[in-house]
Amino acid sequence: MSRVVALLIILLTLSLHSAADAGMRNVILIIGDGFDDQHVTMGRNYLAGMSGKLKVDDLPFRASVQVETVTPSGAPSYVADSANTATSLATGAVTSMGRIATDISDRDVTTIGERAIAAGFKVGLVTTSSLTDATPASFLTHVSARSCEGPEEVLGSTYYGIPQPACLADARDNEGPGSIIEQLVSSGASIRSRRAVR
């Protein structure tokens, strides 16, 4: 999977370079969590009619990807969640449900956001969801379970009475990098949350 993603990024970069004017210095990558071709089609049909066009139809480049998911044992899984799919998009790695930029052995996988920061690029993260949601978090943080959003949750929590996994190895109390929010704050990126206005 990582070779396919790397090839996709290289091809995108080359096509952007050849298609853009010499003054272009920025690239904006939009990842729509749960936003697929059928959602665009439904929106187009509803808002503009079957033959109508949306603003997204005028974008110079669009792509879609297939993301693989594995069970903790490494067997194929046909059920995914936004944590492991965003991890695949952000890192090129295949992992299991609930993981944020970690592989099935809980090893951190370098993200495209981290690579850009290391290369001296300014990186921003804009989201209409919570900053600690799995999709935005996967581009800059590493935890073994998506529920480890804050310093308390990393030690274990409940959600509507349902026990959530803890990320004890990630806790700062255990010399780990911290919860999702703690890692976001220290990531070096510019983080903004924009709630959708209807």
C-alpha atoms as a PDB file:
ATOM      1  CA  MET A   1       0.000   0.000   0.000  1.00  0.00           C
ATOM      2  CA  SER A   2       2.761   2.496   0.893  1.00  0.00           C
ATOM      3  CA  ARG A   3       4.333   2.155  -2.568  1.00  0.00           C
ATOM      4  CA  VAL A   4       0.973   2.828  -4.204  1.00  0.00           C
ATOM      5  CA  VAL A   5       0.390   5.924  -2.045  1.00  0.00           C
ATOM      6  CA  ALA A   6       3.958   7.147  -2.656  1.00  0.00           C
ATOM      7  CA  LEU A   7       3.496   6.690  -6.409  1.00  0.00           C
ATOM      8  CA  LEU A   8       0.163   8.529  -6.249  1.00  0.00           C
ATOM      9  CA  ILE A   9       1.784  11.445  -4.387  1.00  0.00           C
ATOM     10  CA  ILE A  10       4.678  11.596  -6.872  1.00  0.00           C
ATOM     11  CA  LEU A  11       2.317  11.568  -9.850  1.00  0.00           C
ATOM     12  CA  LEU A  12       0.140  14.241  -8.232  1.00  0.00           C
ATOM     13  CA  THR A  13       3.204  16.385  -7.524  1.00  0.00           C
ATOM     14  CA  LEU A  14       4.473  16.035 -11.088  1.00  0.00           C
ATOM     15  CA  SER A  15       1.075  16.828 -12.567  1.00  0.00           C
ATOM     16  CA  LEU A  16       0.685  19.848 -10.285  1.00  0.00           C
ATOM     17  CA  HIS A  17       4.149  21.075 -11.203  1.00  0.00           C
ATOM     18  CA  SER A  18       3.512  20.810 -14.928  1.00  0.00           C
ATOM     19  CA  ALA A  19       0.005  22.237 -14.764  1.00  0.00           C
ATOM     20  CA  ALA A  20       0.665  25.106 -12.362  1.00  0.00           C
ATOM     21  CA  ASP A  21       2.264  28.443 -13.065  1.00  0.00           C
ATOM     22  CA  ALA A  22       5.760  29.141 -11.763  1.00  0.00           C
ATOM     23  CA  GLY A  23       4.428  31.337  -8.947  1.00  0.00           C
ATOM     24  CA  MET A  24       2.470  28.550  -7.247  1.00  0.00           C
ATOM     25  CA  ARG A  25       3.901  27.855  -3.794  1.00  0.00           C
ATOM     26  CA  ASN A  26       1.056  26.142  -1.970  1.00  0.00           C
ATOM     27  CA  VAL A  27      -0.824  22.886  -2.299  1.00  0.00           C
ATOM     28  CA  ILE A  28      -4.060  22.291  -0.420  1.00  0.00           C
ATOM     29  CA  LEU A  29      -4.966  18.667   0.180  1.00  0.00           C
ATOM     30  CA  ILE A  30      -8.604  18.123   1.094  1.00  0.00           C
ATOM     31  CA  ILE A  31      -9.487  14.810   2.696  1.00  0.00           C
ATOM     32  CA  GLY A  32     -13.229  14.369   3.080  1.00  0.00           C
ATOM     33  CA  ASP A  33     -13.889  11.829   5.830  1.00  0.00           C
ATOM     34  CA  GLY A  34     -16.647   9.553   4.595  1.00  0.00           C
ATOM     35  CA  PHE A  35     -16.921  11.673   1.456  1.00  0.00           C
ATOM     36  CA  ASP A  36     -17.027   9.455  -1.585  1.00  0.00           C
ATOM     37  CA  ASP A  37     -18.250   9.628  -5.184  1.00  0.00           C
ATOM     38  CA  GLN A  38     -21.768   8.618  -4.179  1.00  0.00           C
ATOM     39  CA  HIS A  39     -21.938  11.551  -1.741  1.00  0.00           C
ATOM     40  CA  VAL A  40     -20.889  13.982  -4.477  1.00  0.00           C
ATOM     41  CA  THR A  41     -23.501  12.482  -6.803  1.00  0.00           C
ATOM     42  CA  MET A  42     -26.247  12.748  -4.174  1.00  0.00           C
ATOM     43  CA  GLY A  43     -25.260  16.358  -3.456  1.00  0.00           C
ATOM     44  CA  ARG A  44     -25.178  17.199  -7.175  1.00  0.00           C
ATOM     45  CA  ASN A  45     -28.575  15.619  -7.788  1.00  0.00           C
ATOM     46  CA  TYR A  46     -30.105  17.420  -4.807  1.00  0.00           C
ATOM     47  CA  LEU A  47     -28.482  20.846  -5.251  1.00  0.00           C
ATOM     48  CA  ALA A  48     -27.958  21.190  -8.998  1.00  0.00           C
ATOM     49  CA  GLY A  49     -29.925  18.438 -10.706  1.00  0.00           C
ATOM     50  CA  MET A  50     -28.607  15.408 -12.530  1.00  0.00           C
ATOM     51  CA  SER A  51     -26.904  17.446 -15.266  1.00  0.00           C
ATOM     52  CA  GLY A  52     -25.860  20.278 -12.949  1.00  0.00           C
ATOM     53  CA  LYS A  53     -22.394  21.044 -11.592  1.00  0.00           C
ATOM     54  CA  LEU A  54     -21.033  21.661  -8.124  1.00  0.00           C
ATOM     55  CA  LYS A  55     -17.945  23.730  -7.254  1.00  0.00           C
ATOM     56  CA  VAL A  56     -16.113  20.473  -6.534  1.00  0.00           C
ATOM     57  CA  ASP A  57     -16.601  19.541 -10.218  1.00  0.00           C
ATOM     58  CA  ASP A  58     -14.380  22.498 -11.187  1.00  0.00           C
ATOM     59  CA  LEU A  59     -11.378  21.401  -9.101  1.00  0.00           C
ATOM     60  CA  PRO A  60      -8.334  20.783 -11.320  1.00  0.00           C
ATOM     61  CA  PHE A  61      -7.585  17.386  -9.741  1.00  0.00           C
ATOM     62  CA  ARG A  62      -9.732  14.795  -7.987  1.00  0.00           C
ATOM     63  CA  ALA A  63      -8.951  11.267  -6.942  1.00  0.00           C
ATOM     64  CA  SER A  64     -10.313   8.463  -4.838  1.00  0.00           C
ATOM     65  CA  VAL A  65      -8.545   5.591  -3.154  1.00  0.00           C
ATOM     66  CA  GLN A  66      -9.322   2.153  -1.838  1.00  0.00           C
ATOM     67  CA  VAL A  67      -8.095   1.607   1.710  1.00  0.00           C
ATOM     68  CA  GLU A  68      -7.251  -1.808   3.103  1.00  0.00           C
ATOM     69  CA  THR A  69      -7.935  -2.794   6.707  1.00  0.00           C
ATOM     70  CA  VAL A  70      -6.493  -5.672   8.706  1.00  0.00           C
ATOM     71  CA  THR A  71      -7.392  -7.280  12.011  1.00  0.00           C
ATOM     72  CA  PRO A  72      -4.886  -7.065  14.902  1.00  0.00           C
ATOM     73  CA  SER A  73      -3.580 -10.485  13.778  1.00  0.00           C
ATOM     74  CA  GLY A  74      -2.967  -9.143  10.257  1.00  0.00           C
ATOM     75  CA  ALA A  75      -5.845 -10.950   8.520  1.00  0.00           C
ATOM     76  CA  PRO A  76      -7.889  -8.934   6.002  1.00  0.00           C
ATOM     77  CA  SER A  77     -10.910  -7.106   7.413  1.00  0.00           C
ATOM     78  CA  TYR A  78     -13.794  -5.810   5.356  1.00  0.00           C
ATOM     79  CA  VAL A  79     -14.889  -3.291   7.982  1.00  0.00           C
ATOM     80  CA  ALA A  80     -12.974  -0.056   8.402  1.00  0.00           C
ATOM     81  CA  ASP A  81     -13.327   3.119  10.427  1.00  0.00           C
ATOM     82  CA  SER A  82     -12.121   6.661   9.918  1.00  0.00           C
ATOM     83  CA  ALA A  83      -9.088   6.087  12.174  1.00  0.00           C
ATOM     84  CA  ASN A  84      -7.451   3.381  10.106  1.00  0.00           C
ATOM     85  CA  THR A  85      -8.563   4.827   6.756  1.00  0.00           C
ATOM     86  CA  ALA A  86      -7.187   8.274   7.637  1.00  0.00           C
ATOM     87  CA  THR A  87      -4.004   6.581   8.867  1.00  0.00           C
ATOM     88  CA  SER A  88      -3.649   4.905   5.468  1.00  0.00           C
ATOM     89  CA  LEU A  89      -4.145   8.234   3.689  1.00  0.00           C
ATOM     90  CA  ALA A  90      -1.728  10.062   6.006  1.00  0.00           C
ATOM     91  CA  THR A  91       1.001   7.420   6.097  1.00  0.00           C
ATOM     92  CA  GLY A  92       0.497   4.881   3.312  1.00  0.00           C
ATOM     93  CA  ALA A  93       0.411   2.116   5.941  1.00  0.00           C
ATOM     94  CA  VAL A  94      -2.255  -0.528   6.338  1.00  0.00           C
ATOM     95  CA  THR A  95      -3.470  -0.924   9.916  1.00  0.00           C
ATOM     96  CA  SER A  96      -6.417  -2.096  12.016  1.00  0.00           C
ATOM     97  CA  MET A  97      -9.524  -0.259  13.164  1.00  0.00           C
ATOM     98  CA  GLY A  98      -9.154   2.441  15.793  1.00  0.00           C
ATOM     99  CA  ARG A  99      -5.449   3.122  15.266  1.00  0.00           C
ATOM    100  CA  ILE A 100      -4.109   6.638  14.708  1.00  0.00           C
ATOM    101  CA  ALA A 101      -0.857   6.600  12.666  1.00  0.00           C
ATOM    102  CA  THR A 102       0.336   3.359  14.242  1.00  0.00           C
ATOM    103  CA  ASP A 103       0.714  -0.063  12.672  1.00  0.00           C
ATOM    104  CA  ILE A 104      -0.853  -3.260  14.021  1.00  0.00           C
ATOM    105  CA  SER A 105       2.189  -3.745  16.297  1.00  0.00           C
ATOM    106  CA  ASP A 106       1.635  -0.237  17.768  1.00  0.00           C
ATOM    107  CA  ARG A 107       4.718   1.233  16.113  1.00  0.00           C
ATOM    108  CA  ASP A 108       4.395   4.867  15.061  1.00  0.00           C
ATOM    109  CA  VAL A 109       4.243   5.437  11.300  1.00  0.00           C
ATOM    110  CA  THR A 110       5.555   8.772   9.986  1.00  0.00           C
ATOM    111  CA  THR A 111       2.780  10.923   8.525  1.00  0.00           C
ATOM    112  CA  ILE A 112       2.809  13.189   5.505  1.00  0.00           C
ATOM    113  CA  GLY A 113       2.261  16.138   7.872  1.00  0.00           C
ATOM    114  CA  GLU A 114       5.333  15.223   9.909  1.00  0.00           C
ATOM    115  CA  ARG A 115       7.420  14.772   6.757  1.00  0.00           C
ATOM    116  CA  ALA A 116       6.367  18.204   5.507  1.00  0.00           C
ATOM    117  CA  ILE A 117       7.209  19.862   8.843  1.00  0.00           C
ATOM    118  CA  ALA A 118      10.599  18.100   8.893  1.00  0.00           C
ATOM    119  CA  ALA A 119      11.260  19.376   5.357  1.00  0.00           C
ATOM    120  CA  GLY A 120      10.622  22.942   6.508  1.00  0.00           C
ATOM    121  CA  PHE A 121       7.150  23.401   5.064  1.00  0.00           C
ATOM    122  CA  LYS A 122       4.432  25.190   6.970  1.00  0.00           C
ATOM    123  CA  VAL A 123       1.663  22.717   7.711  1.00  0.00           C
ATOM    124  CA  GLY A 124      -1.867  23.605   8.647  1.00  0.00           C
ATOM    125  CA  LEU A 125      -4.768  21.476   9.696  1.00  0.00           C
ATOM    126  CA  VAL A 126      -8.296  22.795   9.178  1.00  0.00           C
ATOM    127  CA  THR A 127     -11.258  20.729  10.271  1.00  0.00           C
ATOM    128  CA  THR A 128     -14.994  21.086  10.633  1.00  0.00           C
ATOM    129  CA  SER A 129     -14.967  18.320  13.233  1.00  0.00           C
ATOM    130  CA  SER A 130     -13.278  18.156  16.606  1.00  0.00           C
ATOM    131  CA  LEU A 131      -9.513  18.565  16.333  1.00  0.00           C
ATOM    132  CA  THR A 132      -9.123  15.262  18.120  1.00  0.00           C
ATOM    133  CA  ASP A 133     -11.356  13.304  15.732  1.00  0.00           C
ATOM    134  CA  ALA A 134      -9.633  10.389  14.038  1.00  0.00           C
ATOM    135  CA  THR A 135      -9.313  11.904  10.561  1.00  0.00           C
ATOM    136  CA  PRO A 136      -7.520  15.162  11.425  1.00  0.00           C
ATOM    137  CA  ALA A 137      -5.556  13.467  14.229  1.00  0.00           C
ATOM    138  CA  SER A 138      -4.110  10.854  11.855  1.00  0.00           C
ATOM    139  CA  PHE A 139      -2.070  13.464  10.009  1.00  0.00           C
ATOM    140  CA  LEU A 140      -0.056  14.629  13.045  1.00  0.00           C
ATOM    141  CA  THR A 141      -0.426  12.237  16.005  1.00  0.00           C
ATOM    142  CA  HIS A 142       0.167   8.622  17.031  1.00  0.00           C
ATOM    143  CA  VAL A 143      -1.985   6.665  19.508  1.00  0.00           C
ATOM    144  CA  SER A 144      -3.063   3.055  19.701  1.00  0.00           C
ATOM    145  CA  ALA A 145      -6.782   3.902  20.060  1.00  0.00           C
ATOM    146  CA  ARG A 146      -8.840   6.744  18.661  1.00  0.00           C
ATOM    147  CA  SER A 147     -10.551   7.221  22.035  1.00  0.00           C
ATOM    148  CA  CYS A 148      -7.322   8.611  23.573  1.00  0.00           C
ATOM    149  CA  GLU A 149      -8.229  12.196  22.729  1.00  0.00           C
ATOM    150  CA  GLY A 150      -7.168  13.909  25.971  1.00  0.00           C
ATOM    151  CA  PRO A 151      -4.903  13.401  29.010  1.00  0.00           C
ATOM    152  CA  GLU A 152      -7.686  11.680  30.953  1.00  0.00           C
ATOM    153  CA  GLU A 153      -8.901   9.448  28.099  1.00  0.00           C
ATOM    154  CA  VAL A 154      -5.377   8.177  27.395  1.00  0.00           C
ATOM    155  CA  LEU A 155      -5.554   6.478  30.818  1.00  0.00           C
ATOM    156  CA  GLY A 156      -8.952   4.899  30.022  1.00  0.00           C
ATOM    157  CA  SER A 157     -12.488   6.249  29.747  1.00  0.00           C
ATOM    158  CA  THR A 158     -16.095   5.401  29.048  1.00  0.00           C
ATOM    159  CA  TYR A 159     -18.291   6.692  26.241  1.00  0.00           C
ATOM    160  CA  TYR A 160     -22.011   6.575  27.028  1.00  0.00           C
ATOM    161  CA  GLY A 161     -21.212   3.924  29.621  1.00  0.00           C
ATOM    162  CA  ILE A 162     -19.129   1.805  27.239  1.00  0.00           C
ATOM    163  CA  PRO A 163     -15.505   1.279  28.342  1.00  0.00           C
ATOM    164  CA  GLN A 164     -13.012   2.639  25.791  1.00  0.00           C
ATOM    165  CA  PRO A 165      -9.476   1.373  25.211  1.00  0.00           C
ATOM    166  CA  ALA A 166      -6.685   3.104  27.102  1.00  0.00           C
ATOM    167  CA  CYS A 167      -3.362   4.097  25.520  1.00  0.00           C
ATOM    168  CA  LEU A 168      -1.151   3.633  28.565  1.00  0.00           C
ATOM    169  CA  ALA A 169       2.096   3.466  26.574  1.00  0.00           C
ATOM    170  CA  ASP A 170       1.187   6.816  24.964  1.00  0.00           C
ATOM    171  CA  ALA A 171       0.478   8.598  28.285  1.00  0.00           C
ATOM    172  CA  ARG A 172       2.942  11.305  29.275  1.00  0.00           C
ATOM    173  CA  ASP A 173       2.863   9.849  32.793  1.00  0.00           C
ATOM    174  CA  ASN A 174       4.493   6.757  31.233  1.00  0.00           C
ATOM    175  CA  GLU A 175       7.038   8.760  29.182  1.00  0.00           C
ATOM    176  CA  GLY A 176       4.861   8.515  26.050  1.00  0.00           C
ATOM    177  CA  PRO A 177       4.086  11.309  23.579  1.00  0.00           C
ATOM    178  CA  GLY A 178       0.711  12.050  25.181  1.00  0.00           C
ATOM    179  CA  SER A 179      -2.896  12.065  24.074  1.00  0.00           C
ATOM    180  CA  ILE A 180      -4.076  13.283  20.680  1.00  0.00           C
ATOM    181  CA  ILE A 181      -4.614  16.866  21.851  1.00  0.00           C
ATOM    182  CA  GLU A 182      -1.243  16.979  23.619  1.00  0.00           C
ATOM    183  CA  GLN A 183       0.499  15.777  20.459  1.00  0.00           C
ATOM    184  CA  LEU A 184      -1.406  18.229  18.250  1.00  0.00           C
ATOM    185  CA  VAL A 185      -0.378  21.167  20.435  1.00  0.00           C
ATOM    186  CA  SER A 186       3.302  20.199  20.205  1.00  0.00           C
ATOM    187  CA  SER A 187       3.252  19.094  16.525  1.00  0.00           C
ATOM    188  CA  GLY A 188       4.542  22.338  15.033  1.00  0.00           C
ATOM    189  CA  ALA A 189       1.485  22.693  12.792  1.00  0.00           C
ATOM    190  CA  SER A 190      -1.081  25.453  12.683  1.00  0.00           C
ATOM    191  CA  ILE A 191      -4.339  23.985  13.946  1.00  0.00           C
ATOM    192  CA  ARG A 192      -7.744  25.583  13.318  1.00  0.00           C
ATOM    193  CA  SER A 193     -11.203  24.198  13.922  1.00  0.00           C
ATOM    194  CA  ARG A 194     -14.040  25.656  11.883  1.00  0.00           C
ATOM    195  CA  ARG A 195     -17.542  24.506  12.631  1.00  0.00           C
ATOM    196  CA  ALA A 196     -19.730  24.259   9.583  1.00  0.00           C
ATOM    197  CA  VAL A 197     -22.300  27.034   9.261  1.00  0.00           C
ATOM    198  CA  ARG A 198     -25.612  26.057   7.755  1.00  0.00           C
END
